[in-house]
Each structure stands twice: as structure tokens, then as C-alpha cells.
N, C-alpha and C. Protein backbone atom coordinates (compact mmCIF):
# COMPACT_ATOMS: atom_id res chain seq x y z
N UNK A 1 -4.71 60.19 66.71
CA UNK A 1 -5.36 61.35 66.16
C UNK A 1 -6.87 61.21 66.10
N UNK A 2 -7.40 60.31 66.75
CA UNK A 2 -8.84 60.10 66.70
C UNK A 2 -9.62 61.13 67.50
N UNK A 3 -8.96 61.92 68.36
CA UNK A 3 -9.67 62.89 69.18
C UNK A 3 -9.94 64.21 68.45
N UNK A 4 -9.46 64.37 67.24
CA UNK A 4 -9.72 65.59 66.48
C UNK A 4 -8.78 66.73 66.82
N UNK A 5 -7.77 66.51 67.66
CA UNK A 5 -6.81 67.55 68.03
C UNK A 5 -5.54 67.37 67.21
N UNK A 6 -4.95 68.46 66.80
CA UNK A 6 -3.71 68.44 66.06
C UNK A 6 -2.77 69.42 66.73
N UNK A 7 -1.51 69.06 66.79
CA UNK A 7 -0.53 69.94 67.40
C UNK A 7 0.39 70.46 66.31
N UNK A 8 0.66 71.75 66.37
CA UNK A 8 1.52 72.39 65.40
C UNK A 8 2.60 73.13 66.17
N UNK A 9 3.85 72.88 65.84
CA UNK A 9 4.95 73.59 66.49
C UNK A 9 5.35 74.76 65.62
N UNK A 10 5.36 75.96 66.22
CA UNK A 10 5.72 77.18 65.52
C UNK A 10 6.85 77.80 66.33
N UNK A 11 8.08 77.69 65.83
CA UNK A 11 9.21 78.22 66.58
C UNK A 11 9.29 77.52 67.93
N UNK A 12 9.17 78.30 69.00
CA UNK A 12 9.23 77.76 70.35
C UNK A 12 7.86 77.56 70.95
N UNK A 13 6.82 77.85 70.19
CA UNK A 13 5.46 77.81 70.71
C UNK A 13 4.73 76.62 70.11
N UNK A 14 4.01 75.89 70.91
CA UNK A 14 3.21 74.78 70.42
C UNK A 14 1.74 75.20 70.47
N UNK A 15 1.07 75.13 69.34
CA UNK A 15 -0.34 75.50 69.25
C UNK A 15 -1.18 74.26 68.97
N UNK A 16 -2.33 74.16 69.59
CA UNK A 16 -3.21 73.03 69.35
C UNK A 16 -4.47 73.55 68.65
N UNK A 17 -4.82 72.93 67.54
CA UNK A 17 -6.03 73.30 66.80
C UNK A 17 -7.05 72.19 66.96
N UNK A 18 -8.33 72.52 66.88
CA UNK A 18 -9.38 71.54 67.13
C UNK A 18 -9.75 70.71 65.92
N UNK A 19 -9.51 71.21 64.74
CA UNK A 19 -9.88 70.45 63.55
C UNK A 19 -9.06 70.93 62.36
N UNK A 20 -9.01 70.14 61.28
CA UNK A 20 -8.29 70.60 60.09
C UNK A 20 -8.91 71.89 59.53
N UNK A 21 -10.21 72.08 59.69
CA UNK A 21 -10.85 73.29 59.18
C UNK A 21 -10.37 74.51 59.94
N UNK A 22 -10.34 74.44 61.28
CA UNK A 22 -9.89 75.60 62.05
C UNK A 22 -8.41 75.86 61.83
N UNK A 23 -7.62 74.79 61.60
CA UNK A 23 -6.21 74.96 61.31
C UNK A 23 -6.02 75.71 60.00
N UNK A 24 -6.77 75.35 58.97
CA UNK A 24 -6.67 76.02 57.67
C UNK A 24 -7.10 77.48 57.79
N UNK A 25 -8.16 77.75 58.55
CA UNK A 25 -8.63 79.12 58.70
C UNK A 25 -7.61 79.97 59.45
N UNK A 26 -6.89 79.38 60.38
CA UNK A 26 -5.94 80.15 61.16
C UNK A 26 -4.77 80.64 60.31
N UNK A 27 -4.56 80.05 59.13
CA UNK A 27 -3.46 80.46 58.28
C UNK A 27 -3.89 81.29 57.09
N UNK A 28 -5.12 81.74 57.05
CA UNK A 28 -5.52 82.61 55.95
C UNK A 28 -5.21 84.05 56.33
N UNK A 29 -4.60 84.76 55.39
CA UNK A 29 -4.22 86.15 55.65
C UNK A 29 -5.45 87.03 55.75
N UNK A 30 -5.51 87.89 56.74
CA UNK A 30 -6.64 88.81 56.83
C UNK A 30 -6.61 89.81 55.67
N UNK A 31 -7.74 90.05 55.04
CA UNK A 31 -7.77 90.98 53.89
C UNK A 31 -7.37 92.40 54.28
N UNK A 32 -7.49 92.75 55.55
CA UNK A 32 -7.10 94.09 56.02
C UNK A 32 -5.63 94.40 55.76
N UNK A 33 -4.79 93.35 55.67
CA UNK A 33 -3.37 93.56 55.42
C UNK A 33 -3.11 94.33 54.12
N UNK A 34 -4.06 94.27 53.19
CA UNK A 34 -3.88 94.97 51.92
C UNK A 34 -3.74 96.48 52.12
N UNK A 35 -4.25 96.98 53.25
CA UNK A 35 -4.10 98.42 53.52
C UNK A 35 -2.65 98.81 53.76
N UNK A 36 -1.82 97.85 54.12
CA UNK A 36 -0.41 98.13 54.38
C UNK A 36 0.45 98.06 53.12
N UNK A 37 -0.09 97.55 52.02
CA UNK A 37 0.66 97.42 50.77
C UNK A 37 1.22 98.77 50.32
N UNK A 38 0.49 99.85 50.58
CA UNK A 38 0.95 101.20 50.20
C UNK A 38 2.37 101.46 50.69
N UNK A 39 2.72 100.96 51.87
CA UNK A 39 4.02 101.26 52.46
C UNK A 39 5.15 100.41 51.89
N UNK A 40 4.82 99.37 51.15
CA UNK A 40 5.83 98.46 50.61
C UNK A 40 6.71 99.22 49.62
N UNK A 41 8.02 99.00 49.73
CA UNK A 41 8.97 99.65 48.83
C UNK A 41 10.08 100.33 49.62
N UNK A 42 10.83 101.17 48.91
CA UNK A 42 11.92 101.91 49.53
C UNK A 42 11.55 103.39 49.53
N UNK A 43 11.62 103.99 50.70
CA UNK A 43 11.25 105.39 50.90
C UNK A 43 12.46 106.18 51.36
N UNK A 44 12.59 107.39 50.86
CA UNK A 44 13.59 108.35 51.35
C UNK A 44 12.82 109.40 52.14
N UNK A 45 13.12 109.50 53.42
CA UNK A 45 12.39 110.41 54.31
C UNK A 45 13.31 111.50 54.81
N UNK A 46 12.76 112.69 54.93
CA UNK A 46 13.51 113.83 55.44
C UNK A 46 12.73 114.48 56.57
N UNK A 47 13.45 114.83 57.61
CA UNK A 47 12.87 115.52 58.76
C UNK A 47 13.49 116.92 58.80
N UNK A 48 12.91 117.83 58.04
CA UNK A 48 13.51 119.17 57.95
C UNK A 48 13.39 119.92 59.28
N UNK A 49 14.37 120.77 59.54
CA UNK A 49 14.34 121.64 60.72
C UNK A 49 14.59 123.07 60.23
N UNK A 50 14.32 124.02 61.09
CA UNK A 50 14.57 125.42 60.74
C UNK A 50 16.04 125.62 60.38
N UNK A 51 16.91 124.94 61.12
CA UNK A 51 18.34 124.97 60.82
C UNK A 51 18.64 123.77 59.93
N UNK A 52 18.74 123.99 58.61
CA UNK A 52 18.87 122.87 57.66
C UNK A 52 20.10 122.02 57.92
N UNK A 53 21.10 122.55 58.61
CA UNK A 53 22.29 121.73 58.90
C UNK A 53 21.97 120.63 59.91
N UNK A 54 20.84 120.74 60.62
CA UNK A 54 20.45 119.73 61.61
C UNK A 54 19.34 118.81 61.11
N UNK A 55 18.97 118.95 59.84
CA UNK A 55 17.93 118.10 59.27
C UNK A 55 18.40 116.65 59.25
N UNK A 56 17.44 115.73 59.38
CA UNK A 56 17.74 114.30 59.39
C UNK A 56 17.14 113.66 58.14
N UNK A 57 17.92 112.80 57.49
CA UNK A 57 17.43 112.03 56.35
C UNK A 57 17.57 110.56 56.67
N UNK A 58 16.61 109.78 56.19
CA UNK A 58 16.68 108.34 56.44
C UNK A 58 16.05 107.58 55.28
N UNK A 59 16.38 106.31 55.22
CA UNK A 59 15.79 105.39 54.26
C UNK A 59 14.94 104.41 55.04
N UNK A 60 13.72 104.16 54.54
CA UNK A 60 12.81 103.19 55.16
C UNK A 60 12.41 102.18 54.09
N UNK A 61 12.86 100.96 54.24
CA UNK A 61 12.55 99.89 53.28
C UNK A 61 11.53 98.97 53.92
N UNK A 62 10.40 98.78 53.24
CA UNK A 62 9.32 97.94 53.78
C UNK A 62 9.06 96.81 52.80
N UNK A 63 9.04 95.59 53.31
CA UNK A 63 8.75 94.43 52.46
C UNK A 63 7.81 93.48 53.18
N UNK A 64 7.04 92.78 52.38
CA UNK A 64 6.12 91.78 52.93
C UNK A 64 6.92 90.51 53.18
N UNK A 65 6.71 89.89 54.35
CA UNK A 65 7.52 88.73 54.72
C UNK A 65 6.70 87.81 55.63
N UNK A 66 7.35 86.77 56.09
CA UNK A 66 6.75 85.80 57.01
C UNK A 66 5.41 85.28 56.47
N UNK A 67 5.50 84.69 55.28
CA UNK A 67 4.35 84.11 54.57
C UNK A 67 3.27 85.15 54.27
N UNK A 68 3.67 86.40 54.15
CA UNK A 68 2.73 87.45 53.79
C UNK A 68 1.88 87.98 54.92
N UNK A 69 2.13 87.51 56.15
CA UNK A 69 1.35 87.96 57.30
C UNK A 69 1.87 89.26 57.90
N UNK A 70 3.10 89.62 57.61
CA UNK A 70 3.72 90.79 58.21
C UNK A 70 4.42 91.63 57.14
N UNK A 71 4.49 92.91 57.41
CA UNK A 71 5.33 93.82 56.65
C UNK A 71 6.46 94.20 57.59
N UNK A 72 7.69 94.09 57.09
CA UNK A 72 8.84 94.38 57.93
C UNK A 72 9.55 95.59 57.34
N UNK A 73 9.76 96.58 58.19
CA UNK A 73 10.43 97.80 57.77
C UNK A 73 11.82 97.89 58.38
N UNK A 74 12.74 98.40 57.59
CA UNK A 74 14.10 98.62 58.03
C UNK A 74 14.41 100.10 57.83
N UNK A 75 14.62 100.81 58.91
CA UNK A 75 14.92 102.24 58.81
C UNK A 75 16.38 102.50 59.14
N UNK A 76 16.97 103.45 58.41
CA UNK A 76 18.36 103.78 58.67
C UNK A 76 18.59 105.26 58.38
N UNK A 77 19.00 105.98 59.42
CA UNK A 77 19.36 107.38 59.23
C UNK A 77 20.65 107.48 58.45
N UNK A 78 20.77 108.57 57.71
CA UNK A 78 22.00 108.83 56.96
C UNK A 78 22.97 109.60 57.86
N UNK A 79 24.23 109.19 57.88
CA UNK A 79 25.20 109.95 58.67
C UNK A 79 25.41 111.33 58.04
N UNK A 80 25.68 112.33 58.89
CA UNK A 80 25.95 113.68 58.40
C UNK A 80 26.87 114.37 59.39
N UNK A 81 27.25 115.59 59.08
CA UNK A 81 28.12 116.35 59.97
C UNK A 81 27.48 116.50 61.35
N UNK A 82 26.16 116.71 61.38
CA UNK A 82 25.47 116.91 62.66
C UNK A 82 24.86 115.62 63.22
N UNK A 83 24.98 114.52 62.48
CA UNK A 83 24.41 113.24 62.92
C UNK A 83 25.49 112.17 62.79
N UNK A 84 26.46 112.21 63.71
CA UNK A 84 27.59 111.29 63.62
C UNK A 84 27.25 109.89 64.14
N UNK A 85 26.10 109.76 64.84
CA UNK A 85 25.68 108.46 65.34
C UNK A 85 24.25 108.17 64.86
N UNK A 86 24.10 107.90 63.57
CA UNK A 86 22.75 107.64 63.05
C UNK A 86 22.17 106.36 63.65
N UNK A 87 20.87 106.36 63.83
CA UNK A 87 20.20 105.18 64.39
C UNK A 87 19.57 104.38 63.27
N UNK A 88 19.32 103.13 63.57
CA UNK A 88 18.59 102.26 62.66
C UNK A 88 17.42 101.67 63.44
N UNK A 89 16.44 101.16 62.71
CA UNK A 89 15.26 100.60 63.37
C UNK A 89 14.71 99.44 62.56
N UNK A 90 13.89 98.66 63.21
CA UNK A 90 13.18 97.58 62.54
C UNK A 90 11.73 97.63 62.99
N UNK A 91 10.82 97.64 62.01
CA UNK A 91 9.37 97.69 62.25
C UNK A 91 8.74 96.35 61.90
N UNK A 92 7.71 95.99 62.63
CA UNK A 92 6.85 94.86 62.29
C UNK A 92 5.44 95.43 62.22
N UNK A 93 4.84 95.37 61.04
CA UNK A 93 3.49 95.90 60.83
C UNK A 93 2.58 94.75 60.43
N UNK A 94 1.42 94.65 61.06
CA UNK A 94 0.49 93.58 60.74
C UNK A 94 -0.91 93.92 61.18
N UNK A 95 -1.75 92.88 61.24
CA UNK A 95 -3.15 93.08 61.63
C UNK A 95 -3.51 92.05 62.68
N UNK A 96 -4.01 92.52 63.82
CA UNK A 96 -4.44 91.67 64.92
C UNK A 96 -5.91 91.33 64.70
N UNK A 97 -6.19 90.09 64.30
CA UNK A 97 -7.57 89.70 63.98
C UNK A 97 -8.45 89.60 65.21
N UNK A 98 -7.87 89.41 66.39
CA UNK A 98 -8.68 89.36 67.61
C UNK A 98 -9.10 90.77 68.03
N UNK A 99 -8.15 91.70 68.01
CA UNK A 99 -8.45 93.09 68.41
C UNK A 99 -9.06 93.90 67.26
N UNK A 100 -8.96 93.36 66.04
CA UNK A 100 -9.43 94.05 64.83
C UNK A 100 -8.77 95.42 64.70
N UNK A 101 -7.45 95.42 64.88
CA UNK A 101 -6.64 96.65 64.78
C UNK A 101 -5.32 96.32 64.09
N UNK A 102 -4.79 97.30 63.40
CA UNK A 102 -3.44 97.18 62.87
C UNK A 102 -2.48 97.34 64.03
N UNK A 103 -1.37 96.61 63.98
CA UNK A 103 -0.37 96.66 65.03
C UNK A 103 0.99 96.98 64.41
N UNK A 104 1.79 97.69 65.17
CA UNK A 104 3.13 98.04 64.71
C UNK A 104 4.05 98.07 65.92
N UNK A 105 5.12 97.31 65.84
CA UNK A 105 6.16 97.32 66.87
C UNK A 105 7.45 97.77 66.21
N UNK A 106 8.13 98.69 66.87
CA UNK A 106 9.37 99.23 66.33
C UNK A 106 10.44 99.13 67.41
N UNK A 107 11.60 98.62 67.04
CA UNK A 107 12.75 98.62 67.93
C UNK A 107 13.84 99.45 67.26
N UNK A 108 14.53 100.25 68.08
CA UNK A 108 15.49 101.23 67.55
C UNK A 108 16.86 100.97 68.17
N UNK A 109 17.90 101.23 67.39
CA UNK A 109 19.27 100.93 67.83
C UNK A 109 19.74 101.79 68.99
N UNK A 110 18.98 102.81 69.39
CA UNK A 110 19.34 103.61 70.56
C UNK A 110 18.63 103.12 71.83
N UNK A 111 17.94 101.98 71.73
CA UNK A 111 17.26 101.40 72.88
C UNK A 111 15.78 101.73 72.97
N UNK A 112 15.31 102.67 72.17
CA UNK A 112 13.88 103.02 72.19
C UNK A 112 13.06 101.90 71.58
N UNK A 113 11.79 101.85 71.95
CA UNK A 113 10.85 100.92 71.31
C UNK A 113 9.48 101.58 71.29
N UNK A 114 8.69 101.23 70.27
CA UNK A 114 7.34 101.77 70.12
C UNK A 114 6.38 100.61 69.91
N UNK A 115 5.21 100.71 70.51
CA UNK A 115 4.11 99.77 70.28
C UNK A 115 2.89 100.60 69.94
N UNK A 116 2.37 100.39 68.74
CA UNK A 116 1.30 101.23 68.21
C UNK A 116 0.17 100.40 67.63
N UNK A 117 -1.02 100.98 67.60
CA UNK A 117 -2.16 100.36 66.92
C UNK A 117 -2.85 101.41 66.07
N UNK A 118 -3.68 100.93 65.13
CA UNK A 118 -4.40 101.83 64.24
C UNK A 118 -5.66 101.14 63.74
N UNK A 119 -6.63 101.94 63.35
CA UNK A 119 -7.83 101.39 62.73
C UNK A 119 -7.69 101.37 61.20
N UNK A 120 -6.59 101.87 60.66
CA UNK A 120 -6.33 101.82 59.23
C UNK A 120 -6.57 103.15 58.53
N UNK A 121 -6.59 103.10 57.21
CA UNK A 121 -6.76 104.30 56.40
C UNK A 121 -8.16 104.88 56.57
N UNK A 122 -8.20 106.18 56.80
CA UNK A 122 -9.45 106.93 56.83
C UNK A 122 -9.16 108.30 56.24
N UNK A 123 -9.82 108.61 55.10
CA UNK A 123 -9.62 109.91 54.44
C UNK A 123 -8.15 110.20 54.17
N UNK A 124 -7.44 109.25 53.59
CA UNK A 124 -6.02 109.38 53.25
C UNK A 124 -5.10 109.58 54.46
N UNK A 125 -5.58 109.23 55.64
CA UNK A 125 -4.73 109.29 56.83
C UNK A 125 -4.70 107.93 57.53
N UNK A 126 -3.52 107.58 57.98
CA UNK A 126 -3.30 106.37 58.76
C UNK A 126 -2.76 106.84 60.09
N UNK A 127 -3.52 106.69 61.15
CA UNK A 127 -3.13 107.21 62.47
C UNK A 127 -2.69 106.06 63.36
N UNK A 128 -1.43 106.10 63.76
CA UNK A 128 -0.87 105.13 64.70
C UNK A 128 -0.85 105.79 66.08
N UNK A 129 -1.22 105.04 67.10
CA UNK A 129 -1.17 105.58 68.46
C UNK A 129 -0.77 104.48 69.43
N UNK A 130 0.02 104.86 70.42
CA UNK A 130 0.46 103.88 71.41
C UNK A 130 1.45 104.50 72.36
N UNK A 131 2.56 103.80 72.57
CA UNK A 131 3.56 104.31 73.51
C UNK A 131 4.96 104.12 72.96
N UNK A 132 5.84 104.99 73.43
CA UNK A 132 7.26 104.88 73.14
C UNK A 132 7.95 104.71 74.48
N UNK A 133 8.89 103.78 74.54
CA UNK A 133 9.70 103.60 75.74
C UNK A 133 11.06 104.18 75.40
N UNK A 134 11.43 105.19 76.21
CA UNK A 134 12.67 105.92 75.95
C UNK A 134 13.31 106.26 77.29
N UNK A 135 14.58 105.94 77.43
CA UNK A 135 15.36 106.20 78.65
C UNK A 135 14.61 105.78 79.91
N UNK A 136 14.04 104.60 79.87
CA UNK A 136 13.38 104.04 81.04
C UNK A 136 11.99 104.58 81.33
N UNK A 137 11.45 105.40 80.45
CA UNK A 137 10.11 105.97 80.64
C UNK A 137 9.23 105.60 79.45
N UNK A 138 7.97 105.40 79.74
CA UNK A 138 6.99 105.16 78.69
C UNK A 138 6.13 106.41 78.56
N UNK A 139 5.89 106.83 77.31
CA UNK A 139 5.03 107.99 77.12
C UNK A 139 4.15 107.77 75.89
N UNK A 140 2.95 108.35 75.91
CA UNK A 140 2.05 108.21 74.76
C UNK A 140 2.63 108.88 73.52
N UNK A 141 2.42 108.24 72.37
CA UNK A 141 2.89 108.79 71.10
C UNK A 141 1.82 108.56 70.05
N UNK A 142 1.77 109.45 69.10
CA UNK A 142 0.83 109.34 67.98
C UNK A 142 1.59 109.74 66.71
N UNK A 143 1.34 109.01 65.63
CA UNK A 143 1.89 109.35 64.32
C UNK A 143 0.72 109.45 63.36
N UNK A 144 0.63 110.57 62.67
CA UNK A 144 -0.41 110.75 61.65
C UNK A 144 0.29 110.77 60.30
N UNK A 145 -0.01 109.77 59.49
CA UNK A 145 0.55 109.66 58.15
C UNK A 145 -0.54 110.13 57.17
N UNK A 146 -0.19 111.09 56.34
CA UNK A 146 -1.12 111.60 55.34
C UNK A 146 -0.60 111.24 53.96
N UNK A 147 -1.37 110.45 53.22
CA UNK A 147 -1.00 110.05 51.86
C UNK A 147 -1.23 111.24 50.94
N UNK A 148 -0.16 111.77 50.37
CA UNK A 148 -0.27 112.90 49.45
C UNK A 148 -0.37 112.43 48.00
N UNK A 149 0.21 111.27 47.71
CA UNK A 149 0.13 110.65 46.38
C UNK A 149 0.56 109.20 46.53
N UNK A 150 0.60 108.49 45.41
CA UNK A 150 1.03 107.09 45.45
C UNK A 150 2.49 106.96 45.88
N UNK A 151 3.25 108.03 45.72
CA UNK A 151 4.69 107.98 45.98
C UNK A 151 5.19 109.00 47.00
N UNK A 152 4.28 109.57 47.77
CA UNK A 152 4.69 110.58 48.76
C UNK A 152 3.70 110.62 49.92
N UNK A 153 4.25 110.65 51.15
CA UNK A 153 3.41 110.87 52.32
C UNK A 153 4.12 111.78 53.31
N UNK A 154 3.32 112.42 54.14
CA UNK A 154 3.83 113.25 55.22
C UNK A 154 3.48 112.54 56.53
N UNK A 155 4.38 112.62 57.49
CA UNK A 155 4.14 112.03 58.80
C UNK A 155 4.47 113.06 59.87
N UNK A 156 3.59 113.18 60.84
CA UNK A 156 3.83 114.05 61.98
C UNK A 156 3.74 113.18 63.23
N UNK A 157 4.76 113.25 64.06
CA UNK A 157 4.78 112.52 65.33
C UNK A 157 4.42 113.50 66.45
N UNK A 158 3.58 113.03 67.37
CA UNK A 158 3.15 113.83 68.51
C UNK A 158 3.43 113.06 69.79
N UNK A 159 3.75 113.79 70.86
CA UNK A 159 3.80 113.20 72.19
C UNK A 159 2.77 113.92 73.04
N UNK A 160 2.23 113.20 74.01
CA UNK A 160 1.22 113.79 74.87
C UNK A 160 1.91 114.50 76.02
N UNK A 161 1.53 115.76 76.23
CA UNK A 161 2.16 116.57 77.26
C UNK A 161 1.07 117.14 78.16
N UNK A 162 0.97 116.61 79.38
CA UNK A 162 -0.04 117.08 80.33
C UNK A 162 0.11 118.57 80.62
N UNK A 163 1.36 119.03 80.76
CA UNK A 163 1.60 120.42 81.10
C UNK A 163 1.10 121.37 80.01
N UNK A 164 1.18 120.92 78.77
CA UNK A 164 0.72 121.76 77.65
C UNK A 164 -0.67 121.35 77.18
N UNK A 165 -1.33 120.50 77.97
CA UNK A 165 -2.71 120.09 77.74
C UNK A 165 -2.96 119.47 76.38
N UNK A 166 -2.22 118.40 76.09
CA UNK A 166 -2.57 117.66 74.89
C UNK A 166 -1.38 117.23 74.04
N UNK A 167 -1.71 116.85 72.83
CA UNK A 167 -0.73 116.33 71.88
C UNK A 167 0.10 117.46 71.31
N UNK A 168 1.42 117.32 71.38
CA UNK A 168 2.35 118.32 70.87
C UNK A 168 3.19 117.71 69.75
N UNK A 169 3.25 118.37 68.57
CA UNK A 169 4.08 117.83 67.48
C UNK A 169 5.56 117.90 67.84
N UNK A 170 6.28 116.82 67.52
CA UNK A 170 7.71 116.80 67.84
C UNK A 170 8.58 116.53 66.61
N UNK A 171 8.04 115.85 65.59
CA UNK A 171 8.80 115.56 64.37
C UNK A 171 7.86 115.63 63.18
N UNK A 172 8.31 116.35 62.14
CA UNK A 172 7.62 116.36 60.84
C UNK A 172 8.52 115.62 59.86
N UNK A 173 7.89 114.86 59.00
CA UNK A 173 8.67 114.04 58.08
C UNK A 173 7.96 113.99 56.72
N UNK A 174 8.73 114.08 55.66
CA UNK A 174 8.21 113.90 54.29
C UNK A 174 8.94 112.70 53.70
N UNK A 175 8.17 111.74 53.18
CA UNK A 175 8.76 110.53 52.60
C UNK A 175 8.35 110.41 51.14
N UNK A 176 9.35 110.09 50.30
CA UNK A 176 9.12 109.90 48.87
C UNK A 176 9.58 108.49 48.49
N UNK A 177 8.73 107.81 47.73
CA UNK A 177 9.08 106.46 47.27
C UNK A 177 10.24 106.55 46.26
N UNK A 178 11.22 105.69 46.42
CA UNK A 178 12.34 105.62 45.49
C UNK A 178 11.99 104.64 44.37
N UNK A 179 11.98 105.12 43.18
CA UNK A 179 11.58 104.29 42.04
C UNK A 179 12.77 103.95 41.17
């Protein structure tokens, strides 16, 4: 160990740090993660439609995990007469210190996946943007979350449509914290 190099095994990846100081710094949580604390908890979300019999309800549980570096969300649609095959999802939300952006990866039980980034809260809005992979195609997606109170937010999902010249809303959602 006289060369000042240290090796750390993390899962299947081996990382080499140059000094004990850089090793300690690499494990400090970025303060930006505190912006994600708002989402921690259990949320009941509803996606109302004009035909209320086709509305979708889901539960989204978000908890801080992996030594506090990540927030992990578990989403689960509620089964209903019109939703006999509800989907579930798992989110990983964190902060990329190299890109200086929030990151979110979502995998869904129907095979879809989303990769999103954000600059964080601005004027009570958290805007995620990236791509969704669905049925073998990748398409741009944007989610705008508007904080209405400490226990309620609205989310609108948009997809980019060249034919309609821009972002088109596809899902509206209202989420309430379960206390």
C-alpha cells in the first residue's frame, strides 16, 4: 500500500481511489438529494379520464435506500373492472454529481423503461425529461410535477409528436400523500 492506491470492491465492480481523502469524499452524499425528500412516503395517485370507469389508480411508495444515496420508488396499479392486468414499476431516483443533474430510471412490468433527468425544483415544479422505451421503440417523454402542497402534487406526462409539432399531454395524474 505504499503507492497511495486503494482498491474497493463494490458488487461486481472494482474501483480504485488515489488516496484516503478522495475515497472519503466519494462517499459523501450530495446535498442536492435533499430535493428528493419531498417524494418520500406513500402516495395514492389517480389518473382520471372522461370515462370514470376507465380511470387508473395506483400506489407509489418512495423510500430512501442504499446508504441514503438513492430514493427507490415502488409503483403498483390497482386492479379494477377495466384494468384486469395492472402494472407495477420500480424507480431509482438520485443525483449524478458528474452531470450535475437528477437522474431517474424506471422499469415497468409491461416491459417499458424510462430514463429521465432533471435540474430539480424550480417554482414548485420538478421537470423530468428523457426517453421511454416501449414496444421496441424509444420516444422522448417529459413529466412535469407541480407541488400543490406538502401532501399533494399533480403530474402531467407528455410525449413529443413531430406530426403535431411538439409536446402532447398523454396522462394527467393527481397524487396525495397517505398519512
